[in-house]
């Protein structure tokens, strides 16, 4: 186990490794893009294989069907969404304008 005394150094190394991996993908890694190679994907046939797909509600109709627990969950998720929009998160390997300035 490696313990680094400097957290920013770990973040920089992780970002560099992610960038390197994106530039040099593993040729042996199976890619899901080739799942239907050689045959055309038939959406309608796949949907029929799914069986009964649950009914989706629009925003207005859906709220009237929520239980108290469902309403609490909705409020919690909306709060999390509002928080994530108001905060700025840097995902590993993704450079935002702020992180680009750090490397310049």
C-alpha atoms as a PDB file:
ATOM      1  CA  UNK A   1       0.000   0.000   0.000  1.00  0.00           C
ATOM      2  CA  UNK A   2       1.337   3.399  -0.978  1.00  0.00           C
ATOM      3  CA  UNK A   3       0.640   6.400   1.221  1.00  0.00           C
ATOM      4  CA  UNK A   4       1.466   9.732  -0.330  1.00  0.00           C
ATOM      5  CA  UNK A   5       2.033  12.690   1.976  1.00  0.00           C
ATOM      6  CA  UNK A   6       0.859  15.190  -0.629  1.00  0.00           C
ATOM      7  CA  UNK A   7      -2.751  14.812  -1.811  1.00  0.00           C
ATOM      8  CA  UNK A   8      -2.398  17.193  -4.802  1.00  0.00           C
ATOM      9  CA  UNK A   9       0.445  14.997  -6.099  1.00  0.00           C
ATOM     10  CA  UNK A  10      -1.849  11.956  -5.999  1.00  0.00           C
ATOM     11  CA  UNK A  11      -4.556  13.829  -7.881  1.00  0.00           C
ATOM     12  CA  UNK A  12      -2.064  14.952 -10.542  1.00  0.00           C
ATOM     13  CA  UNK A  13      -0.710  11.404 -10.931  1.00  0.00           C
ATOM     14  CA  UNK A  14      -4.221   9.964 -11.203  1.00  0.00           C
ATOM     15  CA  UNK A  15      -5.183  12.541 -13.833  1.00  0.00           C
ATOM     16  CA  UNK A  16      -2.025  11.773 -15.815  1.00  0.00           C
ATOM     17  CA  UNK A  17      -2.724   8.025 -15.649  1.00  0.00           C
ATOM     18  CA  UNK A  18      -6.323   8.550 -16.806  1.00  0.00           C
ATOM     19  CA  UNK A  19      -5.160  10.708 -19.700  1.00  0.00           C
ATOM     20  CA  UNK A  20      -2.530   8.142 -20.690  1.00  0.00           C
ATOM     21  CA  UNK A  21      -5.093   5.339 -20.553  1.00  0.00           C
ATOM     22  CA  UNK A  22      -7.463   7.327 -22.762  1.00  0.00           C
ATOM     23  CA  UNK A  23      -4.685   7.950 -25.297  1.00  0.00           C
ATOM     24  CA  UNK A  24      -3.476   4.320 -25.257  1.00  0.00           C
ATOM     25  CA  UNK A  25      -6.477   1.982 -24.831  1.00  0.00           C
ATOM     26  CA  UNK A  26      -5.921  -1.699 -24.113  1.00  0.00           C
ATOM     27  CA  UNK A  27      -6.390  -3.597 -27.407  1.00  0.00           C
ATOM     28  CA  UNK A  28      -7.438  -6.728 -25.471  1.00  0.00           C
ATOM     29  CA  UNK A  29     -10.170  -4.878 -23.600  1.00  0.00           C
ATOM     30  CA  UNK A  30     -13.561  -5.927 -24.934  1.00  0.00           C
ATOM     31  CA  UNK A  31     -15.641  -3.018 -26.126  1.00  0.00           C
ATOM     32  CA  UNK A  32     -19.422  -3.055 -25.819  1.00  0.00           C
ATOM     33  CA  UNK A  33     -19.713  -1.122 -29.097  1.00  0.00           C
ATOM     34  CA  UNK A  34     -19.169  -4.363 -30.992  1.00  0.00           C
ATOM     35  CA  UNK A  35     -21.960  -6.352 -29.316  1.00  0.00           C
ATOM     36  CA  UNK A  36     -24.040  -6.443 -32.488  1.00  0.00           C
ATOM     37  CA  UNK A  37     -21.271  -6.721 -35.029  1.00  0.00           C
ATOM     38  CA  UNK A  38     -22.494  -8.382 -38.187  1.00  0.00           C
ATOM     39  CA  UNK A  39     -26.189  -8.033 -37.442  1.00  0.00           C
ATOM     40  CA  UNK A  40     -28.492  -5.059 -37.428  1.00  0.00           C
ATOM     41  CA  UNK A  41     -29.946  -4.067 -34.094  1.00  0.00           C
ATOM     42  CA  UNK A  42     -33.749  -4.302 -34.157  1.00  0.00           C
ATOM     43  CA  UNK A  43     -35.193  -2.009 -31.481  1.00  0.00           C
ATOM     44  CA  UNK A  44     -38.745  -3.338 -31.752  1.00  0.00           C
ATOM     45  CA  UNK A  45     -37.635  -6.960 -31.438  1.00  0.00           C
ATOM     46  CA  UNK A  46     -35.519  -6.153 -28.383  1.00  0.00           C
ATOM     47  CA  UNK A  47     -38.445  -4.320 -26.765  1.00  0.00           C
ATOM     48  CA  UNK A  48     -40.689  -7.345 -27.304  1.00  0.00           C
ATOM     49  CA  UNK A  49     -38.088  -9.513 -25.578  1.00  0.00           C
ATOM     50  CA  UNK A  50     -38.230  -7.183 -22.580  1.00  0.00           C
ATOM     51  CA  UNK A  51     -41.817  -8.113 -21.765  1.00  0.00           C
ATOM     52  CA  UNK A  52     -43.936  -5.574 -19.946  1.00  0.00           C
ATOM     53  CA  UNK A  53     -42.128  -2.288 -19.690  1.00  0.00           C
ATOM     54  CA  UNK A  54     -43.378  -0.273 -16.713  1.00  0.00           C
ATOM     55  CA  UNK A  55     -45.490   2.779 -17.391  1.00  0.00           C
ATOM     56  CA  UNK A  56     -43.665   6.069 -17.170  1.00  0.00           C
ATOM     57  CA  UNK A  57     -45.374   9.106 -15.729  1.00  0.00           C
ATOM     58  CA  UNK A  58     -44.916  12.694 -16.661  1.00  0.00           C
ATOM     59  CA  UNK A  59     -43.787  14.986 -13.891  1.00  0.00           C
ATOM     60  CA  UNK A  60     -47.292  16.198 -13.023  1.00  0.00           C
ATOM     61  CA  UNK A  61     -49.027  12.794 -13.067  1.00  0.00           C
ATOM     62  CA  UNK A  62     -46.188  11.072 -11.244  1.00  0.00           C
ATOM     63  CA  UNK A  63     -46.358  13.244  -8.147  1.00  0.00           C
ATOM     64  CA  UNK A  64     -49.936  12.257  -7.393  1.00  0.00           C
ATOM     65  CA  UNK A  65     -48.902   8.576  -7.279  1.00  0.00           C
ATOM     66  CA  UNK A  66     -46.009   9.005  -4.836  1.00  0.00           C
ATOM     67  CA  UNK A  67     -46.195   7.565  -1.352  1.00  0.00           C
ATOM     68  CA  UNK A  68     -44.821   9.549   1.591  1.00  0.00           C
ATOM     69  CA  UNK A  69     -41.579   7.590   1.259  1.00  0.00           C
ATOM     70  CA  UNK A  70     -41.479   8.293  -2.481  1.00  0.00           C
ATOM     71  CA  UNK A  71     -42.031  12.008  -1.868  1.00  0.00           C
ATOM     72  CA  UNK A  72     -39.204  12.043   0.699  1.00  0.00           C
ATOM     73  CA  UNK A  73     -36.910  10.263  -1.762  1.00  0.00           C
ATOM     74  CA  UNK A  74     -37.832  12.712  -4.519  1.00  0.00           C
ATOM     75  CA  UNK A  75     -37.067  15.677  -2.268  1.00  0.00           C
ATOM     76  CA  UNK A  76     -33.729  14.141  -1.241  1.00  0.00           C
ATOM     77  CA  UNK A  77     -32.749  13.483  -4.872  1.00  0.00           C
ATOM     78  CA  UNK A  78     -33.822  16.962  -5.978  1.00  0.00           C
ATOM     79  CA  UNK A  79     -31.725  18.401  -3.140  1.00  0.00           C
ATOM     80  CA  UNK A  80     -28.713  16.367  -4.245  1.00  0.00           C
ATOM     81  CA  UNK A  81     -29.218  17.517  -7.830  1.00  0.00           C
ATOM     82  CA  UNK A  82     -29.491  21.153  -6.775  1.00  0.00           C
ATOM     83  CA  UNK A  83     -26.330  20.793  -4.683  1.00  0.00           C
ATOM     84  CA  UNK A  84     -24.370  19.188  -7.523  1.00  0.00           C
ATOM     85  CA  UNK A  85     -25.422  21.937  -9.920  1.00  0.00           C
ATOM     86  CA  UNK A  86     -24.408  24.665  -7.493  1.00  0.00           C
ATOM     87  CA  UNK A  87     -21.083  22.988  -6.649  1.00  0.00           C
ATOM     88  CA  UNK A  88     -18.257  22.335  -9.027  1.00  0.00           C
ATOM     89  CA  UNK A  89     -16.964  18.770  -9.166  1.00  0.00           C
ATOM     90  CA  UNK A  90     -13.855  17.702 -11.048  1.00  0.00           C
ATOM     91  CA  UNK A  91     -14.172  14.170 -12.378  1.00  0.00           C
ATOM     92  CA  UNK A  92     -11.047  12.085 -12.690  1.00  0.00           C
ATOM     93  CA  UNK A  93      -9.464  12.511 -16.070  1.00  0.00           C
ATOM     94  CA  UNK A  94     -11.714  15.415 -17.053  1.00  0.00           C
ATOM     95  CA  UNK A  95     -10.154  18.816 -17.266  1.00  0.00           C
ATOM     96  CA  UNK A  96     -12.269  21.810 -16.432  1.00  0.00           C
ATOM     97  CA  UNK A  97     -11.176  25.372 -17.100  1.00  0.00           C
ATOM     98  CA  UNK A  98      -9.868  25.647 -13.519  1.00  0.00           C
ATOM     99  CA  UNK A  99      -7.837  22.439 -13.726  1.00  0.00           C
ATOM    100  CA  UNK A 100      -6.395  23.458 -17.121  1.00  0.00           C
ATOM    101  CA  UNK A 101      -5.142  26.709 -15.559  1.00  0.00           C
ATOM    102  CA  UNK A 102      -3.443  24.672 -12.793  1.00  0.00           C
ATOM    103  CA  UNK A 103      -1.358  22.751 -15.343  1.00  0.00           C
ATOM    104  CA  UNK A 104      -0.317  25.801 -17.380  1.00  0.00           C
END
